[in-house]
């Protein structure tokens, strides 16, 4: 897939979780800030651009469903189920 389109993002949202799906205001977690990236665990350092407020955590990946192969034509998107509040 498009490697530039893949990554971990914080999307500003309303209290009910509505966010701009175009991605123009999303804040990307830099690859160097990702500490753990496994199919069952993800941990990272919060970037300074993420200020107090509510966000949706969005993961875009070109990895296959098993996490081992790279899909060269498709970037899949996963939305974390809960609104994330940064204080």
Protein backbone atom coordinates (compact mmCIF):
# COMPACT_ATOMS: atom_id res chain seq x y z
CA UNK A 1 0.00 0.00 0.00
CA UNK A 2 0.89 3.66 0.10
CA UNK A 3 3.42 3.83 2.94
CA UNK A 4 2.83 7.59 3.37
CA UNK A 5 -0.86 6.88 4.03
CA UNK A 6 -0.14 4.24 6.67
CA UNK A 7 0.46 5.06 10.31
CA UNK A 8 -1.09 5.82 13.69
CA UNK A 9 -3.14 9.01 13.91
CA UNK A 10 -5.01 11.12 16.45
CA UNK A 11 -8.10 12.65 14.82
CA UNK A 12 -9.68 15.56 16.75
CA UNK A 13 -13.34 14.78 17.40
CA UNK A 14 -16.48 15.95 19.17
CA UNK A 15 -17.62 14.45 22.48
CA UNK A 16 -19.75 11.91 20.56
CA UNK A 17 -16.75 10.77 18.48
CA UNK A 18 -17.53 12.53 15.19
CA UNK A 19 -14.34 13.36 13.30
CA UNK A 20 -13.27 14.65 9.88
CA UNK A 21 -12.64 11.50 7.84
CA UNK A 22 -10.63 13.41 5.21
CA UNK A 23 -7.68 13.46 7.61
CA UNK A 24 -6.55 17.05 7.06
CA UNK A 25 -6.43 17.76 10.81
CA UNK A 26 -5.17 14.35 11.95
CA UNK A 27 -1.92 14.24 13.91
CA UNK A 28 0.39 11.39 12.90
CA UNK A 29 2.51 9.53 15.42
CA UNK A 30 6.04 9.49 14.02
CA UNK A 31 7.53 6.06 13.46
CA UNK A 32 10.37 6.92 15.86
CA UNK A 33 7.78 7.53 18.64
CA UNK A 34 6.26 4.05 18.31
CA UNK A 35 7.66 1.82 21.01
CA UNK A 36 5.68 -1.41 20.42
CA UNK A 37 3.89 -2.35 17.20
CA UNK A 38 2.56 -5.90 17.27
CA UNK A 39 -0.80 -7.34 16.18
CA UNK A 40 -1.89 -7.51 19.83
CA UNK A 41 -0.15 -4.44 21.30
CA UNK A 42 0.61 -0.87 20.32
CA UNK A 43 2.43 1.68 22.48
CA UNK A 44 3.87 5.06 21.59
CA UNK A 45 4.93 8.42 22.97
CA UNK A 46 2.28 11.12 22.65
CA UNK A 47 3.40 13.82 20.19
CA UNK A 48 3.47 17.44 21.35
CA UNK A 49 0.85 18.35 18.72
CA UNK A 50 -1.79 16.43 20.66
CA UNK A 51 -3.23 18.98 23.07
CA UNK A 52 -6.01 18.62 25.66
CA UNK A 53 -9.24 17.50 24.02
CA UNK A 54 -11.03 14.50 22.55
CA UNK A 55 -9.65 12.34 19.76
CA UNK A 56 -10.28 9.17 17.79
CA UNK A 57 -7.28 6.85 17.47
CA UNK A 58 -6.97 5.66 13.87
CA UNK A 59 -4.56 3.02 12.59
CA UNK A 60 -3.92 2.74 8.86
CA UNK A 61 -1.87 -0.25 7.74
CA UNK A 62 -0.79 -2.05 4.62
CA UNK A 63 0.07 -5.18 6.60
CA UNK A 64 -1.93 -8.30 5.86
CA UNK A 65 -4.55 -9.62 8.26
CA UNK A 66 -1.98 -11.89 9.92
CA UNK A 67 0.40 -8.94 10.28
CA UNK A 68 3.24 -10.56 8.38
CA UNK A 69 2.81 -9.67 4.72
CA UNK A 70 2.52 -6.24 3.11
CA UNK A 71 -0.42 -5.57 0.83
CA UNK A 72 0.92 -3.54 -2.09
CA UNK A 73 -2.47 -2.22 -3.26
CA UNK A 74 -4.57 -1.59 -0.15
CA UNK A 75 -4.29 0.41 3.06
CA UNK A 76 -6.76 -0.82 5.69
CA UNK A 77 -8.12 1.51 8.37
CA UNK A 78 -9.00 0.57 11.95
CA UNK A 79 -10.78 2.90 14.37
CA UNK A 80 -10.22 2.40 18.11
CA UNK A 81 -13.64 1.80 19.67
CA UNK A 82 -13.60 4.56 22.30
CA UNK A 83 -13.07 8.30 22.23
CA UNK A 84 -9.66 9.14 23.73
CA UNK A 85 -9.55 12.12 26.09
CA UNK A 86 -6.25 13.94 26.58
CA UNK A 87 -6.04 16.13 29.68
